[in-house]
């Protein structure tokens, strides 16, 4: 059973950057697809980005949301998936969660966007962007 732990959250001003890390343990993390979700206060959890097991395929939330500002990547040798967040806005504030799925086959976009696709979830890391 894979376990994931997020880190790297914090407080930043508008326009700033943060890099989140998701470290996997307890299983074959390197063979898992991994995604980032976020949840703002009073809002539902939403998909941010996902990467397949070998890093060859990435998926992002809608263009107006994070694409072009956020980059997901992974280093399987370190059992770590990253989310580089640039040009942060107050709307990016929330708790960011890492999730892992044992799915190795390439799936459609809808698979990666669905929270039900992931069996392992972290406790989240808080990101606060001030205006």
C-alpha atoms as a PDB file:
ATOM      1  CA  UNK A   1       0.000   0.000   0.000  1.00  0.00           C
ATOM      2  CA  UNK A   2       1.461   3.315  -1.103  1.00  0.00           C
ATOM      3  CA  UNK A   3       1.450   6.250   1.294  1.00  0.00           C
ATOM      4  CA  UNK A   4       2.054   9.839   0.219  1.00  0.00           C
ATOM      5  CA  UNK A   5       3.112  12.911   2.163  1.00  0.00           C
ATOM      6  CA  UNK A   6       2.995  16.474   0.854  1.00  0.00           C
ATOM      7  CA  UNK A   7       5.291  19.334   1.765  1.00  0.00           C
ATOM      8  CA  UNK A   8       6.349  22.731   0.464  1.00  0.00           C
ATOM      9  CA  UNK A   9       3.259  24.772   1.161  1.00  0.00           C
ATOM     10  CA  UNK A  10       3.403  28.193   2.756  1.00  0.00           C
ATOM     11  CA  UNK A  11       2.551  31.837   2.449  1.00  0.00           C
ATOM     12  CA  UNK A  12       3.498  33.851  -0.613  1.00  0.00           C
ATOM     13  CA  UNK A  13       2.537  37.147  -2.186  1.00  0.00           C
ATOM     14  CA  UNK A  14       0.728  37.443  -5.508  1.00  0.00           C
ATOM     15  CA  UNK A  15       3.124  36.682  -8.326  1.00  0.00           C
ATOM     16  CA  UNK A  16       5.349  34.523  -6.177  1.00  0.00           C
ATOM     17  CA  UNK A  17       6.298  30.867  -6.574  1.00  0.00           C
ATOM     18  CA  UNK A  18       6.208  27.693  -4.528  1.00  0.00           C
ATOM     19  CA  UNK A  19       7.257  24.130  -5.224  1.00  0.00           C
ATOM     20  CA  UNK A  20       5.243  21.375  -3.618  1.00  0.00           C
ATOM     21  CA  UNK A  21       6.643  17.894  -3.112  1.00  0.00           C
ATOM     22  CA  UNK A  22       4.835  14.594  -2.763  1.00  0.00           C
ATOM     23  CA  UNK A  23       6.940  11.748  -1.416  1.00  0.00           C
ATOM     24  CA  UNK A  24       5.676   8.213  -1.766  1.00  0.00           C
ATOM     25  CA  UNK A  25       6.517   5.215   0.394  1.00  0.00           C
ATOM     26  CA  UNK A  26       5.360   1.728   1.294  1.00  0.00           C
ATOM     27  CA  UNK A  27       4.901   0.383  -2.212  1.00  0.00           C
ATOM     28  CA  UNK A  28       5.803   0.735  -5.828  1.00  0.00           C
ATOM     29  CA  UNK A  29       5.310   4.489  -5.964  1.00  0.00           C
ATOM     30  CA  UNK A  30       7.393   4.704  -9.122  1.00  0.00           C
ATOM     31  CA  UNK A  31       4.700   2.730 -10.958  1.00  0.00           C
ATOM     32  CA  UNK A  32       1.822   4.948  -9.836  1.00  0.00           C
ATOM     33  CA  UNK A  33       0.115   7.827 -11.587  1.00  0.00           C
ATOM     34  CA  UNK A  34       0.098  10.841  -9.278  1.00  0.00           C
ATOM     35  CA  UNK A  35      -2.124  13.887  -9.155  1.00  0.00           C
ATOM     36  CA  UNK A  36      -2.465  17.126  -7.261  1.00  0.00           C
ATOM     37  CA  UNK A  37      -5.851  18.364  -6.125  1.00  0.00           C
ATOM     38  CA  UNK A  38      -6.691  21.455  -4.125  1.00  0.00           C
ATOM     39  CA  UNK A  39      -9.521  22.640  -1.948  1.00  0.00           C
ATOM     40  CA  UNK A  40     -10.233  26.256  -1.117  1.00  0.00           C
ATOM     41  CA  UNK A  41     -12.237  27.186   1.979  1.00  0.00           C
ATOM     42  CA  UNK A  42     -15.931  26.592   1.353  1.00  0.00           C
ATOM     43  CA  UNK A  43     -15.292  25.021  -2.038  1.00  0.00           C
ATOM     44  CA  UNK A  44     -15.183  21.531  -3.415  1.00  0.00           C
ATOM     45  CA  UNK A  45     -11.921  19.768  -4.081  1.00  0.00           C
ATOM     46  CA  UNK A  46     -10.702  20.344  -7.627  1.00  0.00           C
ATOM     47  CA  UNK A  47      -8.189  18.725  -9.905  1.00  0.00           C
ATOM     48  CA  UNK A  48      -4.954  20.604 -10.552  1.00  0.00           C
ATOM     49  CA  UNK A  49      -2.517  18.373 -12.428  1.00  0.00           C
ATOM     50  CA  UNK A  50      -1.531  14.746 -12.935  1.00  0.00           C
ATOM     51  CA  UNK A  51       1.395  12.778 -14.268  1.00  0.00           C
ATOM     52  CA  UNK A  52       1.576   9.171 -15.360  1.00  0.00           C
ATOM     53  CA  UNK A  53       4.013   6.676 -13.893  1.00  0.00           C
ATOM     54  CA  UNK A  54       6.986   7.442 -16.114  1.00  0.00           C
ATOM     55  CA  UNK A  55       6.403  11.162 -16.511  1.00  0.00           C
ATOM     56  CA  UNK A  56       5.641  10.823 -20.193  1.00  0.00           C
ATOM     57  CA  UNK A  57       2.095  12.153 -19.943  1.00  0.00           C
ATOM     58  CA  UNK A  58       0.847  15.133 -17.993  1.00  0.00           C
ATOM     59  CA  UNK A  59      -2.619  16.586 -17.523  1.00  0.00           C
ATOM     60  CA  UNK A  60      -3.646  19.976 -16.222  1.00  0.00           C
ATOM     61  CA  UNK A  61      -6.798  21.716 -15.124  1.00  0.00           C
ATOM     62  CA  UNK A  62      -8.452  24.025 -17.600  1.00  0.00           C
ATOM     63  CA  UNK A  63      -6.288  26.579 -19.376  1.00  0.00           C
ATOM     64  CA  UNK A  64      -7.695  29.550 -17.499  1.00  0.00           C
ATOM     65  CA  UNK A  65      -6.941  27.900 -14.187  1.00  0.00           C
ATOM     66  CA  UNK A  66      -3.381  26.634 -13.830  1.00  0.00           C
ATOM     67  CA  UNK A  67      -2.049  25.594 -17.194  1.00  0.00           C
ATOM     68  CA  UNK A  68       0.935  27.705 -18.158  1.00  0.00           C
ATOM     69  CA  UNK A  69       1.670  28.611 -14.535  1.00  0.00           C
ATOM     70  CA  UNK A  70       1.949  25.197 -12.871  1.00  0.00           C
ATOM     71  CA  UNK A  71       4.222  22.332 -13.899  1.00  0.00           C
ATOM     72  CA  UNK A  72       4.032  18.782 -12.606  1.00  0.00           C
ATOM     73  CA  UNK A  73       7.089  16.548 -12.764  1.00  0.00           C
ATOM     74  CA  UNK A  74       8.559  13.524 -11.035  1.00  0.00           C
ATOM     75  CA  UNK A  75      11.832  11.918 -10.061  1.00  0.00           C
ATOM     76  CA  UNK A  76      11.163   8.247  -9.543  1.00  0.00           C
ATOM     77  CA  UNK A  77      14.661   7.694  -8.180  1.00  0.00           C
ATOM     78  CA  UNK A  78      13.590   9.897  -5.268  1.00  0.00           C
ATOM     79  CA  UNK A  79       9.997   8.637  -5.085  1.00  0.00           C
ATOM     80  CA  UNK A  80       8.920  12.242  -5.456  1.00  0.00           C
ATOM     81  CA  UNK A  81       6.424  14.169  -7.558  1.00  0.00           C
ATOM     82  CA  UNK A  82       6.656  17.944  -7.725  1.00  0.00           C
ATOM     83  CA  UNK A  83       4.259  20.742  -8.461  1.00  0.00           C
ATOM     84  CA  UNK A  84       6.039  23.931  -9.445  1.00  0.00           C
ATOM     85  CA  UNK A  85       3.663  26.855  -9.058  1.00  0.00           C
ATOM     86  CA  UNK A  86       4.565  30.208 -10.579  1.00  0.00           C
ATOM     87  CA  UNK A  87       2.717  33.526 -10.913  1.00  0.00           C
ATOM     88  CA  UNK A  88       0.544  32.601  -7.954  1.00  0.00           C
ATOM     89  CA  UNK A  89      -2.769  34.341  -7.440  1.00  0.00           C
ATOM     90  CA  UNK A  90      -5.028  34.658  -4.382  1.00  0.00           C
ATOM     91  CA  UNK A  91      -7.432  32.221  -6.104  1.00  0.00           C
ATOM     92  CA  UNK A  92      -4.703  29.567  -5.791  1.00  0.00           C
ATOM     93  CA  UNK A  93      -5.086  29.608  -2.018  1.00  0.00           C
ATOM     94  CA  UNK A  94      -6.136  26.306  -0.506  1.00  0.00           C
ATOM     95  CA  UNK A  95      -5.019  22.955   0.784  1.00  0.00           C
ATOM     96  CA  UNK A  96      -3.131  20.994  -1.847  1.00  0.00           C
ATOM     97  CA  UNK A  97      -3.416  17.215  -1.787  1.00  0.00           C
ATOM     98  CA  UNK A  98      -1.306  14.578  -3.461  1.00  0.00           C
ATOM     99  CA  UNK A  99      -2.993  11.375  -4.634  1.00  0.00           C
ATOM    100  CA  UNK A 100      -1.615   8.196  -6.188  1.00  0.00           C
ATOM    101  CA  UNK A 101      -3.156   5.592  -8.452  1.00  0.00           C
ATOM    102  CA  UNK A 102      -1.631   2.197  -9.372  1.00  0.00           C
ATOM    103  CA  UNK A 103      -2.881   2.683 -12.927  1.00  0.00           C
ATOM    104  CA  UNK A 104      -0.021   2.357 -15.428  1.00  0.00           C
ATOM    105  CA  UNK A 105      -1.948   2.258 -18.677  1.00  0.00           C
ATOM    106  CA  UNK A 106      -2.397   5.604 -20.394  1.00  0.00           C
ATOM    107  CA  UNK A 107      -5.904   6.823 -19.723  1.00  0.00           C
ATOM    108  CA  UNK A 108      -8.039   9.664 -20.997  1.00  0.00           C
ATOM    109  CA  UNK A 109      -8.106  13.047 -19.362  1.00  0.00           C
ATOM    110  CA  UNK A 110     -11.284  12.258 -17.454  1.00  0.00           C
ATOM    111  CA  UNK A 111      -9.571   9.436 -15.555  1.00  0.00           C
ATOM    112  CA  UNK A 112      -6.855  11.661 -14.148  1.00  0.00           C
ATOM    113  CA  UNK A 113      -9.299  14.438 -13.205  1.00  0.00           C
ATOM    114  CA  UNK A 114     -11.505  12.157 -11.107  1.00  0.00           C
ATOM    115  CA  UNK A 115     -10.682  11.849  -7.422  1.00  0.00           C
ATOM    116  CA  UNK A 116     -12.137   8.341  -7.395  1.00  0.00           C
ATOM    117  CA  UNK A 117      -9.274   7.195  -9.631  1.00  0.00           C
ATOM    118  CA  UNK A 118      -6.809   7.510  -6.749  1.00  0.00           C
ATOM    119  CA  UNK A 119      -6.447   5.103  -3.848  1.00  0.00           C
ATOM    120  CA  UNK A 120      -3.816   6.859  -1.741  1.00  0.00           C
ATOM    121  CA  UNK A 121      -4.183  10.409  -0.459  1.00  0.00           C
ATOM    122  CA  UNK A 122      -2.002  12.633   1.646  1.00  0.00           C
ATOM    123  CA  UNK A 123      -3.153  14.971   4.405  1.00  0.00           C
ATOM    124  CA  UNK A 124      -2.445  18.071   2.375  1.00  0.00           C
ATOM    125  CA  UNK A 125      -0.258  21.138   2.573  1.00  0.00           C
ATOM    126  CA  UNK A 126      -1.609  24.668   2.954  1.00  0.00           C
ATOM    127  CA  UNK A 127      -0.869  27.272   0.284  1.00  0.00           C
ATOM    128  CA  UNK A 128      -1.821  30.869   1.008  1.00  0.00           C
ATOM    129  CA  UNK A 129      -1.407  33.608  -1.580  1.00  0.00           C
ATOM    130  CA  UNK A 130      -1.929  37.149  -0.354  1.00  0.00           C
ATOM    131  CA  UNK A 131      -2.932  40.059  -2.555  1.00  0.00           C
END
